[in-house]
PDB file of N, CA and C in Angstrom:
ATOM      1  N   UNK A   1       0.873  -1.211  -0.039  1.00  0.00           N
ATOM      2  CA  UNK A   1       0.096  -0.013   0.061  1.00  0.00           C
ATOM      3  C   UNK A   1       1.002   1.247   0.087  1.00  0.00           C
ATOM      4  N   UNK A   2       0.617   2.205  -1.026  1.00  0.00           N
ATOM      5  CA  UNK A   2       1.423   3.205  -0.992  1.00  0.00           C
ATOM      6  C   UNK A   2       0.655   4.511  -0.436  1.00  0.00           C
ATOM      7  N   UNK A   3       1.290   5.692  -0.513  1.00  0.00           N
ATOM      8  CA  UNK A   3       0.559   6.865   0.090  1.00  0.00           C
ATOM      9  C   UNK A   3      -0.713   7.158  -0.661  1.00  0.00           C
ATOM     10  N   UNK A   4      -0.713   6.942  -1.943  1.00  0.00           N
ATOM     11  CA  UNK A   4      -1.878   7.350  -2.872  1.00  0.00           C
ATOM     12  C   UNK A   4      -3.051   6.493  -2.508  1.00  0.00           C
ATOM     13  N   UNK A   5      -2.632   5.382  -2.273  1.00  0.00           N
ATOM     14  CA  UNK A   5      -3.834   4.218  -1.611  1.00  0.00           C
ATOM     15  C   UNK A   5      -4.258   4.816  -0.317  1.00  0.00           C
ATOM     16  N   UNK A   6      -3.344   5.171   0.585  1.00  0.00           N
ATOM     17  CA  UNK A   6      -3.706   5.661   1.918  1.00  0.00           C
ATOM     18  C   UNK A   6      -4.665   6.857   1.665  1.00  0.00           C
ATOM     19  N   UNK A   7      -4.358   7.738   0.819  1.00  0.00           N
ATOM     20  CA  UNK A   7      -4.960   9.026   0.596  1.00  0.00           C
ATOM     21  C   UNK A   7      -6.362   8.662  -0.039  1.00  0.00           C
ATOM     22  N   UNK A   8      -6.454   7.810  -0.878  1.00  0.00           N
ATOM     23  CA  UNK A   8      -7.744   7.390  -1.579  1.00  0.00           C
ATOM     24  C   UNK A   8      -8.593   6.888  -0.480  1.00  0.00           C
ATOM     25  N   UNK A   9      -8.182   6.193   0.433  1.00  0.00           N
ATOM     26  CA  UNK A   9      -8.913   5.422   1.402  1.00  0.00           C
ATOM     27  C   UNK A   9      -9.016   6.095   2.751  1.00  0.00           C
ATOM     28  N   UNK A  10      -8.754   7.395   2.822  1.00  0.00           N
ATOM     29  CA  UNK A  10      -8.552   8.198   4.073  1.00  0.00           C
ATOM     30  C   UNK A  10      -9.662   7.963   5.026  1.00  0.00           C
ATOM     31  N   UNK A  11     -10.869   8.081   4.524  1.00  0.00           N
ATOM     32  CA  UNK A  11     -12.081   8.081   5.476  1.00  0.00           C
ATOM     33  C   UNK A  11     -12.164   6.556   6.014  1.00  0.00           C
ATOM     34  N   UNK A  12     -11.782   5.476   5.175  1.00  0.00           N
ATOM     35  CA  UNK A  12     -11.925   4.260   5.881  1.00  0.00           C
ATOM     36  C   UNK A  12     -10.835   3.986   6.838  1.00  0.00           C
ATOM     37  N   UNK A  13      -9.597   4.792   6.805  1.00  0.00           N
ATOM     38  CA  UNK A  13      -8.458   4.522   7.661  1.00  0.00           C
ATOM     39  C   UNK A  13      -8.455   5.378   8.772  1.00  0.00           C
ATOM     40  N   UNK A  14      -9.335   6.201   9.028  1.00  0.00           N
ATOM     41  CA  UNK A  14      -9.372   7.233  10.048  1.00  0.00           C
ATOM     42  C   UNK A  14      -9.494   6.608  11.527  1.00  0.00           C
ATOM     43  N   UNK A  15     -10.161   5.558  11.494  1.00  0.00           N
ATOM     44  CA  UNK A  15     -10.279   4.710  12.762  1.00  0.00           C
ATOM     45  C   UNK A  15      -8.962   4.163  13.121  1.00  0.00           C
ATOM     46  N   UNK A  16      -8.231   3.600  12.165  1.00  0.00           N
ATOM     47  CA  UNK A  16      -6.920   3.017  12.462  1.00  0.00           C
ATOM     48  C   UNK A  16      -5.884   4.173  12.641  1.00  0.00           C
ATOM     49  N   UNK A  17      -6.021   5.258  12.188  1.00  0.00           N
ATOM     50  CA  UNK A  17      -5.232   6.381  12.348  1.00  0.00           C
ATOM     51  C   UNK A  17      -5.441   6.859  13.777  1.00  0.00           C
ATOM     52  N   UNK A  18      -6.693   6.947  14.319  1.00  0.00           N
ATOM     53  CA  UNK A  18      -7.055   7.391  15.620  1.00  0.00           C
ATOM     54  C   UNK A  18      -6.393   6.292  16.643  1.00  0.00           C
ATOM     55  N   UNK A  19      -6.524   5.031  16.388  1.00  0.00           N
ATOM     56  CA  UNK A  19      -5.992   4.050  17.309  1.00  0.00           C
ATOM     57  C   UNK A  19      -4.537   4.186  17.471  1.00  0.00           C
ATOM     58  N   UNK A  20      -3.854   4.519  16.267  1.00  0.00           N
ATOM     59  CA  UNK A  20      -2.371   4.657  16.268  1.00  0.00           C
ATOM     60  C   UNK A  20      -1.916   5.789  16.864  1.00  0.00           C
ATOM     61  N   UNK A  21      -2.417   7.039  16.599  1.00  0.00           N
ATOM     62  CA  UNK A  21      -2.137   8.360  17.330  1.00  0.00           C
ATOM     63  C   UNK A  21      -3.263   8.754  17.891  1.00  0.00           C
ATOM     64  N   UNK A  22      -3.565   8.433  19.130  1.00  0.00           N
ATOM     65  CA  UNK A  22      -4.806   8.643  19.885  1.00  0.00           C
ATOM     66  C   UNK A  22      -4.862  10.170  20.313  1.00  0.00           C
ATOM     67  N   UNK A  23      -3.702  10.788  20.408  1.00  0.00           N
ATOM     68  CA  UNK A  23      -3.835  12.199  20.833  1.00  0.00           C
ATOM     69  C   UNK A  23      -4.286  13.110  19.749  1.00  0.00           C
ATOM     70  N   UNK A  24      -4.402  12.666  18.605  1.00  0.00           N
ATOM     71  CA  UNK A  24      -4.977  13.459  17.455  1.00  0.00           C
ATOM     72  C   UNK A  24      -6.573  13.395  17.505  1.00  0.00           C
ATOM     73  N   UNK A  25      -7.099  14.587  17.359  1.00  0.00           N
ATOM     74  CA  UNK A  25      -8.523  14.580  17.328  1.00  0.00           C
ATOM     75  C   UNK A  25      -9.233  14.262  16.183  1.00  0.00           C
ATOM     76  N   UNK A  26     -10.512  13.676  16.051  1.00  0.00           N
ATOM     77  CA  UNK A  26     -11.001  13.273  14.895  1.00  0.00           C
ATOM     78  C   UNK A  26     -11.242  14.466  13.858  1.00  0.00           C
ATOM     79  N   UNK A  27     -11.423  15.711  14.486  1.00  0.00           N
ATOM     80  CA  UNK A  27     -11.336  16.818  13.514  1.00  0.00           C
ATOM     81  C   UNK A  27     -10.012  16.996  12.877  1.00  0.00           C
ATOM     82  N   UNK A  28      -9.024  16.963  13.679  1.00  0.00           N
ATOM     83  CA  UNK A  28      -7.546  17.120  13.051  1.00  0.00           C
ATOM     84  C   UNK A  28      -7.370  15.995  11.993  1.00  0.00           C
ATOM     85  N   UNK A  29      -7.766  14.855  12.134  1.00  0.00           N
ATOM     86  CA  UNK A  29      -7.674  13.753  11.181  1.00  0.00           C
ATOM     87  C   UNK A  29      -8.360  14.041  10.016  1.00  0.00           C
ATOM     88  N   UNK A  30      -9.638  14.656  10.089  1.00  0.00           N
ATOM     89  CA  UNK A  30     -10.408  14.792   8.982  1.00  0.00           C
ATOM     90  C   UNK A  30      -9.848  15.989   8.139  1.00  0.00           C
ATOM     91  N   UNK A  31      -9.186  16.988   8.807  1.00  0.00           N
ATOM     92  CA  UNK A  31      -8.535  18.102   8.211  1.00  0.00           C
ATOM     93  C   UNK A  31      -7.322  17.593   7.370  1.00  0.00           C
ATOM     94  N   UNK A  32      -6.660  16.691   7.820  1.00  0.00           N
ATOM     95  CA  UNK A  32      -5.467  16.209   6.996  1.00  0.00           C
ATOM     96  C   UNK A  32      -5.788  15.879   5.803  1.00  0.00           C
ATOM     97  N   UNK A  33      -7.019  15.073   5.565  1.00  0.00           N
ATOM     98  CA  UNK A  33      -7.408  14.625   4.316  1.00  0.00           C
ATOM     99  C   UNK A  33      -6.300  13.929   3.383  1.00  0.00           C
ATOM    100  N   UNK A  34      -5.615  13.124   4.129  1.00  0.00           N
ATOM    101  CA  UNK A  34      -4.606  12.257   3.453  1.00  0.00           C
ATOM    102  C   UNK A  34      -3.345  12.888   3.100  1.00  0.00           C
ATOM    103  N   UNK A  35      -3.020  14.205   3.482  1.00  0.00           N
ATOM    104  CA  UNK A  35      -1.824  14.872   3.337  1.00  0.00           C
ATOM    105  C   UNK A  35      -0.771  14.400   4.164  1.00  0.00           C
ATOM    106  N   UNK A  36       0.128  13.778   3.769  1.00  0.00           N
ATOM    107  CA  UNK A  36       1.194  13.175   4.527  1.00  0.00           C
ATOM    108  C   UNK A  36       2.026  14.142   5.358  1.00  0.00           C
ATOM    109  N   UNK A  37       2.388  15.284   4.769  1.00  0.00           N
ATOM    110  CA  UNK A  37       3.094  16.411   5.470  1.00  0.00           C
ATOM    111  C   UNK A  37       2.328  16.882   6.651  1.00  0.00           C
ATOM    112  N   UNK A  38       1.034  17.164   6.464  1.00  0.00           N
ATOM    113  CA  UNK A  38       0.032  17.756   7.460  1.00  0.00           C
ATOM    114  C   UNK A  38       0.009  16.605   8.587  1.00  0.00           C
ATOM    115  N   UNK A  39      -0.071  15.345   8.291  1.00  0.00           N
ATOM    116  CA  UNK A  39      -0.107  14.360   9.258  1.00  0.00           C
ATOM    117  C   UNK A  39       1.234  14.352  10.148  1.00  0.00           C
ATOM    118  N   UNK A  40       2.412  14.271   9.325  1.00  0.00           N
ATOM    119  CA  UNK A  40       3.563  14.383  10.028  1.00  0.00           C
ATOM    120  C   UNK A  40       3.708  15.604  10.920  1.00  0.00           C
ATOM    121  N   UNK A  41       3.222  16.751  10.539  1.00  0.00           N
ATOM    122  CA  UNK A  41       3.261  18.009  11.246  1.00  0.00           C
ATOM    123  C   UNK A  41       2.402  17.835  12.606  1.00  0.00           C
ATOM    124  N   UNK A  42       1.280  17.206  12.529  1.00  0.00           N
ATOM    125  CA  UNK A  42       0.615  16.976  13.763  1.00  0.00           C
ATOM    126  C   UNK A  42       1.182  15.838  14.672  1.00  0.00           C
ATOM    127  N   UNK A  43       1.644  14.893  14.144  1.00  0.00           N
ATOM    128  CA  UNK A  43       2.382  14.000  15.024  1.00  0.00           C
ATOM    129  C   UNK A  43       3.527  14.478  15.690  1.00  0.00           C
ATOM    130  N   UNK A  44       4.342  15.348  14.909  1.00  0.00           N
ATOM    131  CA  UNK A  44       5.500  16.135  15.614  1.00  0.00           C
ATOM    132  C   UNK A  44       4.911  17.064  16.728  1.00  0.00           C
ATOM    133  N   UNK A  45       3.820  17.666  16.439  1.00  0.00           N
ATOM    134  CA  UNK A  45       3.334  18.570  17.446  1.00  0.00           C
ATOM    135  C   UNK A  45       2.805  17.914  18.755  1.00  0.00           C
ATOM    136  N   UNK A  46       1.936  17.003  18.581  1.00  0.00           N
ATOM    137  CA  UNK A  46       1.282  16.396  19.720  1.00  0.00           C
ATOM    138  C   UNK A  46       2.218  15.372  20.513  1.00  0.00           C
ATOM    139  N   UNK A  47       3.281  14.784  19.733  1.00  0.00           N
ATOM    140  CA  UNK A  47       4.158  13.877  20.428  1.00  0.00           C
ATOM    141  C   UNK A  47       5.497  14.311  20.779  1.00  0.00           C
ATOM    142  N   UNK A  48       5.801  15.411  20.238  1.00  0.00           N
ATOM    143  CA  UNK A  48       7.016  16.093  20.543  1.00  0.00           C
ATOM    144  C   UNK A  48       8.227  15.230  19.826  1.00  0.00           C
ATOM    145  N   UNK A  49       7.997  14.859  18.692  1.00  0.00           N
ATOM    146  CA  UNK A  49       9.140  14.066  17.982  1.00  0.00           C
ATOM    147  C   UNK A  49       9.777  14.826  16.813  1.00  0.00           C
ATOM    148  N   UNK A  50      10.742  14.522  16.384  1.00  0.00           N
ATOM    149  CA  UNK A  50      11.385  15.081  15.129  1.00  0.00           C
ATOM    150  C   UNK A  50      10.593  14.569  14.009  1.00  0.00           C
ATOM    151  N   UNK A  51      10.588  15.554  12.857  1.00  0.00           N
ATOM    152  CA  UNK A  51      10.039  15.190  11.599  1.00  0.00           C
ATOM    153  C   UNK A  51      10.429  13.702  11.101  1.00  0.00           C
ATOM    154  N   UNK A  52      11.684  13.348  11.140  1.00  0.00           N
ATOM    155  CA  UNK A  52      12.077  12.031  10.774  1.00  0.00           C
ATOM    156  C   UNK A  52      11.536  10.950  11.488  1.00  0.00           C
ATOM    157  N   UNK A  53      11.357  11.183  12.833  1.00  0.00           N
ATOM    158  CA  UNK A  53      10.599  10.102  13.723  1.00  0.00           C
ATOM    159  C   UNK A  53       9.130  10.074  13.220  1.00  0.00           C
ATOM    160  N   UNK A  54       8.504  11.141  13.060  1.00  0.00           N
ATOM    161  CA  UNK A  54       7.069  11.274  12.614  1.00  0.00           C
ATOM    162  C   UNK A  54       6.890  10.503  11.234  1.00  0.00           C
ATOM    163  N   UNK A  55       7.672  10.742  10.293  1.00  0.00           N
ATOM    164  CA  UNK A  55       7.743  10.105   9.044  1.00  0.00           C
ATOM    165  C   UNK A  55       8.008   8.602   9.118  1.00  0.00           C
ATOM    166  N   UNK A  56       8.889   8.178  10.094  1.00  0.00           N
ATOM    167  CA  UNK A  56       9.236   6.777  10.316  1.00  0.00           C
ATOM    168  C   UNK A  56       7.859   6.055  11.020  1.00  0.00           C
ATOM    169  N   UNK A  57       7.265   6.766  11.810  1.00  0.00           N
ATOM    170  CA  UNK A  57       6.036   6.259  12.339  1.00  0.00           C
ATOM    171  C   UNK A  57       5.028   6.168  11.164  1.00  0.00           C
ATOM    172  N   UNK A  58       4.861   7.082  10.364  1.00  0.00           N
ATOM    173  CA  UNK A  58       3.897   7.053   9.135  1.00  0.00           C
ATOM    174  C   UNK A  58       4.365   5.786   8.306  1.00  0.00           C
ATOM    175  N   UNK A  59       5.464   5.642   7.999  1.00  0.00           N
ATOM    176  CA  UNK A  59       6.057   4.491   7.043  1.00  0.00           C
ATOM    177  C   UNK A  59       5.625   3.109   7.890  1.00  0.00           C
ATOM    178  N   UNK A  60       5.828   3.228   8.990  1.00  0.00           N
ATOM    179  CA  UNK A  60       5.438   1.891   9.946  1.00  0.00           C
ATOM    180  C   UNK A  60       3.830   1.606   9.783  1.00  0.00           C
ATOM    181  N   UNK A  61       2.979   2.624   9.926  1.00  0.00           N
ATOM    182  CA  UNK A  61       1.710   2.549   9.658  1.00  0.00           C
ATOM    183  C   UNK A  61       1.428   1.986   8.341  1.00  0.00           C
ATOM    184  N   UNK A  62       1.972   2.556   7.382  1.00  0.00           N
ATOM    185  CA  UNK A  62       1.777   2.009   5.999  1.00  0.00           C
ATOM    186  C   UNK A  62       2.042   0.503   5.846  1.00  0.00           C
ATOM    187  N   UNK A  63       3.189   0.163   6.568  1.00  0.00           N
ATOM    188  CA  UNK A  63       3.662  -1.068   6.267  1.00  0.00           C
ATOM    189  C   UNK A  63       2.769  -2.092   7.019  1.00  0.00           C
ATOM    190  N   UNK A  64       2.095  -1.726   8.208  1.00  0.00           N
ATOM    191  CA  UNK A  64       1.221  -2.523   8.966  1.00  0.00           C
ATOM    192  C   UNK A  64       0.060  -2.725   8.168  1.00  0.00           C
ATOM    193  N   UNK A  65      -0.481  -1.644   7.515  1.00  0.00           N
ATOM    194  CA  UNK A  65      -1.680  -1.964   6.752  1.00  0.00           C
ATOM    195  C   UNK A  65      -1.477  -2.596   5.335  1.00  0.00           C
ATOM    196  N   UNK A  66      -0.267  -2.542   5.000  1.00  0.00           N
ATOM    197  CA  UNK A  66       0.131  -3.210   3.553  1.00  0.00           C
ATOM    198  C   UNK A  66       0.000  -4.663   3.890  1.00  0.00           C
ATOM    199  N   UNK A  67       0.559  -5.213   5.009  1.00  0.00           N
ATOM    200  CA  UNK A  67       0.414  -6.563   5.389  1.00  0.00           C
ATOM    201  C   UNK A  67      -0.850  -7.136   5.847  1.00  0.00           C
ATOM    202  N   UNK A  68      -1.837  -6.128   6.221  1.00  0.00           N
ATOM    203  CA  UNK A  68      -3.047  -6.446   6.640  1.00  0.00           C
ATOM    204  C   UNK A  68      -4.028  -6.393   5.278  1.00  0.00           C
ATOM    205  N   UNK A  69      -3.731  -5.852   4.336  1.00  0.00           N
ATOM    206  CA  UNK A  69      -4.514  -5.802   3.015  1.00  0.00           C
ATOM    207  C   UNK A  69      -4.522  -7.034   2.384  1.00  0.00           C
TER     208      UNK A  69
END
């Protein structure tokens, strides 16, 4: 699963995203609308991690869902 697939299935994945990053609100997740940079920025802000760490977390999320698909 690549990011285009994630973006295309954003509404279906919001529950999984909320489970992974529980400090993000539903409104914030809706506002991201599949934009990887915005998601990384929110993860950085909420969890106090560097951009690289946020991107690593997103990559891990994609890998988890790729194997589940």
